[in-house]
Protein backbone atom coordinates (compact mmCIF):
# COMPACT_ATOMS: atom_id res chain seq x y z
CA MET A 1 14.62 13.40 -2.73
CA ALA A 2 16.83 13.01 0.18
CA ALA A 3 15.97 14.38 3.61
CA VAL A 4 15.38 18.07 3.78
CA ALA A 5 16.70 19.90 6.83
CA PRO A 6 14.12 21.59 8.95
CA THR A 7 14.11 25.19 9.06
CA HIS A 8 12.17 25.71 12.25
CA SER A 9 13.05 24.07 15.72
CA ILE A 10 11.40 20.70 16.42
CA THR A 11 10.11 19.34 19.72
CA ASP A 12 10.75 16.03 21.17
CA GLY A 13 7.13 15.43 20.71
CA GLN A 14 7.32 16.07 16.95
CA LEU A 15 10.38 13.73 16.60
CA HIS A 16 8.66 10.70 18.27
CA ARG A 17 4.98 11.23 17.40
CA ARG A 18 3.05 8.67 15.52
CA VAL A 19 2.05 9.74 12.05
CA ARG A 20 -1.50 10.74 12.06
CA GLY A 21 -3.76 9.73 9.24
CA LEU A 22 -1.80 6.76 7.86
CA ASP A 23 -4.32 4.25 9.06
CA ALA A 24 -7.09 6.12 7.28
CA ILE A 25 -5.09 6.39 4.00
CA ARG A 26 -4.40 2.51 4.12
CA PHE A 27 -8.12 1.95 4.47
CA PHE A 28 -8.85 3.75 1.53
CA LEU A 29 -6.18 2.15 -0.51
CA ALA A 30 -7.44 -1.23 0.65
CA LEU A 31 -10.98 -0.25 -0.46
CA TRP A 32 -9.61 0.91 -3.88
CA VAL A 33 -8.19 -2.69 -4.26
CA VAL A 34 -11.45 -4.25 -3.27
CA PHE A 35 -13.41 -2.26 -5.65
CA GLY A 36 -10.72 -2.77 -8.44
CA HIS A 37 -10.93 -6.56 -7.86
CA LEU A 38 -14.57 -7.01 -7.19
CA GLY A 39 -16.07 -4.25 -9.17
CA PHE A 40 -18.16 -1.13 -7.97
CA VAL A 41 -21.88 -0.58 -8.25
CA PRO A 42 -23.00 -2.29 -11.44
CA LEU A 43 -24.42 0.09 -13.99
CA GLU A 44 -26.50 -0.45 -17.12
CA LEU A 45 -25.40 1.93 -19.52
CA ASP A 46 -26.39 2.51 -23.20
CA LYS A 47 -23.00 2.09 -25.08
CA SER A 48 -24.59 2.64 -28.45
CA ASN A 49 -23.79 6.32 -28.30
CA ILE A 50 -20.45 8.13 -27.70
CA VAL A 51 -21.71 9.68 -24.52
CA GLY A 52 -22.43 6.08 -22.92
CA LYS A 53 -19.25 4.86 -24.18
CA ILE A 54 -17.25 7.73 -22.53
CA ILE A 55 -19.20 7.24 -19.29
CA ALA A 56 -18.56 3.55 -19.29
CA GLY A 57 -14.90 4.01 -20.07
CA ILE A 58 -14.47 6.35 -17.13
CA TYR A 59 -16.50 4.20 -14.76
CA GLY A 60 -14.71 1.06 -15.78
CA ASN A 61 -11.27 2.65 -15.13
CA SER A 62 -12.26 4.56 -11.91
CA PHE A 63 -10.60 1.96 -9.57
CA SER A 64 -7.28 1.00 -10.49
CA GLY A 65 -6.24 -1.64 -7.89
CA PRO A 66 -2.55 -1.73 -9.12
CA THR A 67 -2.30 2.02 -8.56
CA ALA A 68 -3.30 1.41 -4.94
CA VAL A 69 -0.82 -1.22 -4.46
CA ILE A 70 2.06 1.12 -5.50
CA VAL A 71 0.92 3.64 -2.97
CA PHE A 72 0.99 0.78 -0.32
CA PHE A 73 4.67 0.31 -1.37
CA VAL A 74 5.50 3.83 -0.73
CA VAL A 75 3.57 3.67 2.62
CA SER A 76 5.35 0.58 3.55
CA GLY A 77 8.77 2.04 2.87
CA PHE A 78 7.76 5.06 5.09
CA CYS A 79 6.56 2.80 8.01
CA ILE A 80 9.75 0.72 8.07
CA HIS A 81 12.10 3.57 7.81
CA TYR A 82 10.44 6.22 9.92
CA PRO A 83 11.79 4.80 13.29
CA PHE A 84 15.12 4.76 12.03
CA ARG A 85 15.37 8.16 10.16
CA HIS A 86 17.54 9.65 13.02
CA ASN A 87 20.25 6.86 12.84
CA LYS A 88 18.41 4.88 15.60
CA ARG A 89 20.38 1.31 15.98
CA LEU A 90 18.64 -1.40 14.17
CA PHE A 91 18.57 -4.88 16.15
CA LEU A 92 18.45 -7.43 13.40
CA ILE A 93 16.85 -10.24 15.45
CA PRO A 94 13.95 -8.40 16.79
CA TYR A 95 13.55 -6.55 13.65
CA PHE A 96 13.18 -9.64 11.61
CA SER A 97 11.08 -11.54 13.90
CA ARG A 98 8.70 -8.53 14.22
CA ARG A 99 8.27 -8.22 10.37
CA HIS A 100 7.98 -11.85 9.51
CA LEU A 101 5.68 -12.91 12.27
CA ARG A 102 3.21 -9.94 11.37
CA ILE A 103 3.26 -10.82 7.69
CA TRP A 104 3.48 -14.58 7.53
CA ILE A 105 1.15 -15.90 9.96
CA PRO A 106 -1.88 -14.11 8.32
CA ILE A 107 -0.43 -15.26 4.75
CA ILE A 108 -0.30 -18.87 5.85
CA ILE A 109 -3.89 -18.93 7.18
CA ALA A 110 -5.30 -17.04 4.32
CA VAL A 111 -3.56 -19.58 1.87
CA LEU A 112 -5.07 -22.52 3.84
CA ALA A 113 -8.56 -20.99 3.95
CA GLY A 114 -8.41 -20.31 0.16
CA ASN A 115 -7.72 -23.69 -0.82
CA PRO A 116 -11.09 -25.41 -0.24
CA LEU A 117 -12.90 -22.43 -1.75
CA GLY A 118 -10.98 -22.75 -4.88
CA VAL A 119 -8.80 -19.59 -4.50
CA LYS A 120 -5.21 -20.25 -5.02
CA LEU A 121 -2.99 -17.74 -3.43
CA THR A 122 0.44 -18.04 -4.53
CA LEU A 123 3.50 -16.16 -4.09
CA LEU A 124 4.16 -15.67 -7.80
CA GLN A 125 2.71 -13.04 -10.11
CA ASP A 126 -0.75 -14.81 -10.47
CA SER A 127 -2.31 -13.79 -7.16
CA ILE A 128 -2.51 -10.85 -4.83
CA LEU A 129 0.49 -12.16 -2.94
CA TRP A 130 2.89 -11.07 -5.53
CA SER A 131 3.25 -7.60 -3.54
CA LEU A 132 3.58 -9.15 -0.26
CA LEU A 133 6.59 -11.28 -1.39
CA ALA A 134 8.04 -8.12 -2.76
CA GLU A 135 7.54 -6.36 0.71
CA GLU A 136 9.30 -9.33 2.26
CA ILE A 137 12.22 -8.89 -0.04
CA TYR A 138 12.26 -5.27 1.06
CA TYR A 139 12.25 -6.13 4.74
CA LEU A 140 15.29 -8.60 4.21
CA ILE A 141 17.22 -5.98 2.42
CA TYR A 142 16.36 -2.99 4.41
CA PRO A 143 19.27 -3.33 6.89
CA SER A 144 21.59 -3.36 3.97
CA LEU A 145 19.93 -0.30 2.52
CA LEU A 146 20.03 1.53 5.58
CA PHE A 147 23.84 0.84 5.99
CA LEU A 148 24.26 2.28 2.34
CA ARG A 149 21.97 5.12 3.17
CA ARG A 150 24.13 6.31 6.02
CA ARG A 151 27.14 6.25 3.58
CA ILE A 152 25.84 7.56 0.41
CA GLY A 153 22.42 8.72 0.85
CA TRP A 154 18.96 7.91 -0.39
CA GLN A 155 19.44 9.75 -3.83
CA LYS A 156 22.20 7.54 -5.23
CA ILE A 157 20.31 4.27 -4.08
CA LEU A 158 17.04 5.70 -5.46
CA PHE A 159 18.76 6.43 -8.74
CA ALA A 160 20.13 2.99 -8.94
CA ALA A 161 16.84 1.42 -8.06
CA TYR A 162 15.23 3.36 -10.84
CA ILE A 163 17.84 2.36 -13.44
CA SER A 164 17.33 -1.30 -12.30
CA ALA A 165 13.46 -0.90 -12.63
CA VAL A 166 13.84 0.37 -16.20
CA LEU A 167 16.06 -2.67 -17.02
CA VAL A 168 13.52 -4.87 -15.70
CA ILE A 169 10.81 -3.21 -17.81
CA LEU A 170 12.85 -3.49 -21.02
CA SER A 171 13.33 -7.32 -20.45
CA ASN A 172 9.62 -7.37 -21.48
CA PRO A 173 8.56 -3.85 -22.47
CA THR A 174 4.94 -4.78 -23.62
CA ALA A 175 3.98 -6.57 -20.46
CA GLY A 176 0.67 -5.20 -19.34
CA ASN A 177 0.74 -5.92 -15.64
CA TYR A 178 3.19 -4.87 -12.84
CA PRO A 179 3.93 -8.47 -11.49
CA SER A 180 4.75 -9.72 -15.15
CA TYR A 181 8.30 -10.45 -14.40
CA GLY A 182 8.30 -13.25 -11.99
CA PRO A 183 9.31 -13.38 -8.12
CA TYR A 184 12.85 -12.92 -9.03
CA LEU A 185 12.40 -9.48 -10.77
CA ASN A 186 8.97 -7.99 -9.43
CA TRP A 187 10.53 -6.82 -6.39
CA LEU A 188 13.07 -5.04 -8.25
CA LEU A 189 10.64 -3.23 -10.36
CA GLY A 190 8.90 -2.15 -7.26
CA LEU A 191 11.77 -1.06 -5.39
CA PRO A 192 11.89 2.73 -6.28
CA CYS A 193 8.45 2.96 -5.13
CA TRP A 194 9.27 1.59 -1.64
CA LEU A 195 12.32 3.48 -1.32
CA LEU A 196 10.35 6.57 -2.10
CA GLY A 197 8.56 5.88 1.19
CA CYS A 198 11.81 5.92 2.94
CA CYS A 199 12.73 9.17 1.66
CA LEU A 200 9.40 10.53 2.71
CA ALA A 201 10.04 9.31 6.08
CA GLU A 202 13.17 11.47 6.42
CA LYS A 203 10.94 14.52 5.35
CA THR A 204 8.57 14.31 7.94
CA ASP A 205 10.48 16.52 10.50
CA TYR A 206 10.51 19.18 7.95
CA LEU A 207 6.76 18.71 7.23
CA TYR A 208 6.14 19.05 10.98
CA ALA A 209 8.20 22.14 11.25
CA SER A 210 6.10 23.74 8.35
CA ALA A 211 3.68 26.51 9.09
CA THR A 212 0.80 24.99 11.10
CA ASN A 213 -1.84 26.94 9.24
CA ILE A 214 -0.70 25.93 5.80
CA ASN A 215 -3.46 24.99 3.46
CA VAL A 216 -2.37 22.18 1.17
CA HIS A 217 -5.62 21.88 -0.76
CA ILE A 218 -5.70 18.25 -0.03
CA TRP A 219 -8.90 17.46 -2.08
CA ARG A 220 -7.03 18.82 -5.20
CA TRP A 221 -4.39 16.35 -4.45
CA ARG A 222 -6.65 13.46 -3.95
CA PHE A 223 -8.58 14.33 -7.09
CA ALA A 224 -5.30 14.30 -8.90
CA ALA A 225 -4.34 11.03 -7.57
CA TRP A 226 -7.74 9.60 -8.72
CA LEU A 227 -7.43 10.99 -12.14
CA LEU A 228 -3.97 9.77 -12.73
CA SER A 229 -4.90 6.39 -11.32
CA LEU A 230 -7.73 6.44 -14.12
CA ILE A 231 -5.42 7.45 -16.71
CA CYS A 232 -2.84 4.75 -15.74
CA SER A 233 -5.62 2.02 -16.13
CA ALA A 234 -6.94 3.58 -19.29
CA LEU A 235 -3.44 3.31 -20.85
CA ARG A 236 -3.02 0.00 -19.77
CA PHE A 237 -5.96 -1.29 -21.51
CA HIS A 238 -6.06 1.10 -24.32
CA SER A 239 -2.52 1.91 -25.35
CA PRO A 240 0.77 0.24 -25.57
CA ILE A 241 1.98 2.08 -22.64
CA LYS A 242 1.31 -0.38 -19.76
CA TYR A 243 1.30 -0.41 -15.96
CA PRO A 244 5.11 -1.26 -15.61
CA TRP A 245 5.92 2.08 -17.27
CA THR A 246 3.08 4.32 -15.70
CA LEU A 247 2.93 3.07 -12.17
CA THR A 248 6.73 3.27 -11.71
CA VAL A 249 6.29 7.02 -12.43
CA PHE A 250 3.11 7.29 -10.57
CA ALA A 251 5.02 6.53 -7.43
CA ILE A 252 6.71 9.92 -7.68
CA PHE A 253 3.55 11.60 -7.34
CA ALA A 254 2.51 9.49 -4.49
CA PHE A 255 5.55 10.64 -2.63
CA PHE A 256 4.49 14.34 -2.99
CA TRP A 257 0.93 13.44 -2.39
CA LEU A 258 1.49 11.32 0.74
CA GLY A 259 3.57 14.17 1.93
CA LYS A 260 0.49 16.57 1.61
CA GLU A 261 -1.58 14.15 3.38
CA ILE A 262 0.88 14.15 6.29
CA LEU A 263 0.81 18.01 6.46
CA HIS A 264 -3.07 17.82 6.19
CA TYR A 265 -3.50 15.50 9.09
CA GLN A 266 -1.06 17.69 11.09
CA ASN A 267 -3.75 20.19 11.35
CA HIS A 268 -6.97 17.85 10.95
CA ILE A 269 -7.87 14.92 13.08
CA PRO A 270 -8.82 11.85 10.86
CA TRP A 271 -12.22 10.27 11.27
CA PRO A 272 -11.76 7.58 14.00
CA ILE A 273 -13.92 5.23 12.03
CA PHE A 274 -11.39 5.28 8.96
CA GLU A 275 -8.50 5.11 11.39
CA ASN A 276 -9.88 2.21 13.14
CA ALA A 277 -10.77 0.51 9.75
CA GLY A 278 -7.26 1.19 8.45
CA LYS A 279 -5.76 -1.01 11.31
CA GLY A 280 -7.35 -4.00 9.33
CA SER A 281 -6.24 -2.89 5.94
CA TYR A 282 -3.85 -5.96 5.77
CA SER A 283 -6.76 -8.27 6.50
CA ILE A 284 -8.94 -6.54 3.81
CA TYR A 285 -6.06 -7.03 1.21
CA LEU A 286 -5.50 -10.72 1.97
CA VAL A 287 -9.25 -11.76 2.50
CA HIS A 288 -11.24 -9.78 0.11
CA VAL A 289 -10.75 -12.38 -2.72
CA LEU A 290 -12.11 -15.08 -0.53
CA GLY A 291 -15.42 -13.30 0.40
CA PRO A 292 -17.30 -13.66 -2.94
CA ALA A 293 -15.77 -17.39 -3.17
CA LEU A 294 -17.16 -18.31 0.38
CA TYR A 295 -20.50 -16.76 -0.46
CA LYS A 296 -20.69 -18.98 -3.46
CA PHE A 297 -19.38 -21.91 -1.49
CA LEU A 298 -22.03 -21.53 1.10
CA SER A 299 -24.65 -21.41 -1.66
CA LEU A 300 -26.04 -18.05 -0.31
CA PRO A 301 -28.93 -16.28 -2.21
CA THR A 302 -28.64 -14.52 -5.47
CA PHE A 303 -30.20 -11.10 -5.84
CA THR A 304 -30.54 -8.47 -8.59
CA PRO A 305 -27.02 -7.21 -9.76
CA VAL A 306 -26.86 -4.08 -7.70
CA MET A 307 -28.22 -5.77 -4.53
CA HIS A 308 -26.04 -8.80 -5.09
CA TRP A 309 -22.87 -6.59 -5.35
CA PHE A 310 -23.95 -4.77 -2.13
CA VAL A 311 -24.51 -8.11 -0.19
CA ASN A 312 -21.32 -9.56 -1.54
CA ILE A 313 -19.41 -6.21 -0.39
CA VAL A 314 -20.99 -6.32 3.14
CA PHE A 315 -20.21 -10.05 3.37
CA THR A 316 -16.64 -9.65 2.37
CA PHE A 317 -15.90 -6.85 4.76
CA PHE A 318 -17.60 -8.95 7.49
CA LEU A 319 -15.18 -11.71 6.84
CA CYS A 320 -12.26 -9.35 6.66
CA TYR A 321 -13.22 -7.89 10.14
CA ILE A 322 -13.44 -11.56 11.73
CA PHE A 323 -10.11 -12.28 10.11
CA TYR A 324 -8.55 -9.22 11.77
CA LEU A 325 -9.85 -10.08 14.97
CA LEU A 326 -9.01 -13.65 14.93
CA VAL A 327 -5.73 -13.57 12.92
CA GLU A 328 -4.16 -10.23 12.10
CA LYS A 329 -4.67 -8.39 15.49
CA PRO A 330 -3.23 -11.43 17.50
CA SER A 331 -0.34 -11.90 15.00
CA HIS A 332 0.46 -8.16 15.30
CA SER A 333 0.61 -8.49 19.28
CA LEU A 334 2.62 -11.57 19.18
CA ALA A 335 5.01 -9.98 16.70
CA ARG A 336 5.32 -6.90 19.03
CA LYS A 337 5.80 -9.06 22.29
CA VAL A 338 8.35 -11.36 20.59
CA ALA A 339 10.35 -8.21 19.38
CA GLU A 340 10.23 -6.49 22.74
CA LYS A 341 11.51 -9.59 24.51
CA LEU A 342 14.49 -9.71 21.95
CA SER A 343 15.32 -6.17 21.95
CA HIS A 344 16.01 -3.24 24.35
CA LYS A 345 13.22 -0.99 25.15
CA THR A 346 12.66 1.90 22.81
CA THR A 347 11.03 5.16 23.26
CA VAL A 348 10.58 5.84 19.63
CA PRO A 349 6.99 4.45 18.20
CA GLN A 350 6.53 2.74 15.11
CA ALA A 351 5.03 4.67 12.27
CA GLY A 352 2.65 1.88 11.62
């Protein structure tokens, strides 16, 4: 899955464009994680018959948060490598300062806010922060990966990463959840997923050069993504084939699916409301577990199940929005300003 040479001429604007639609995709991935953790609209189903059991089974597996996290990994790899896909020089100090300030300031504040609410956010496998620790490791090793890529190509690196991931899985082949291998191995399991994003970044010029009127049947791909997500969840809870096996393979589908999304948004403008909401996807991911805890801590009213779910969701997203305005957005601006002061001015925009 190395870069494919474009078959059409590519303009400077295509080389330097911001990838449209990524923020909207990130918003829906964050929404998927929220519904996976907090549940979707509660239904009272009669499970005494086979039809009720089937409906309950489909409904209960419809929102697989771990699947969305894997797609987040692919998107993350894409965004990190996108500015460097044409051998642009990587300046280490501004690169590291930008990544770490943007990530760690919100994490520290979220951890501190969670403590009095009884929400323990740790960097190990017992909280949502396991994936952020893995991403921090990917950011740390990316300069070395970039060095290797320029000498042996992504294909060999990706092959080695998949071999390593399989070895990690085999160390505990019956583990149910993706972050079951501890902080020293979880990142290695997810590395192929992240590298697929790097491979996709190199393919964007080819995608931009494709026929502008191509019909990618995007809703078929989106339905397939949902269906595979459901299957992965069902296998996790009802078979010996668990998430470490299925999600590592699902990332390959995500590679092709996100490529279709990029093609789709080449010709379709994403809805501004989703693009804007996606800018706060990191806040949604970090803070959504604090919403119900804060609601309970404040002793706010309890309603009927459906209404209570709705009120909790609205309250949680309001909290995420406040966190974005007060923490994530300023952290992002600070990281950008610090990086600009530490580096030469660049004309190539970040993918996200």
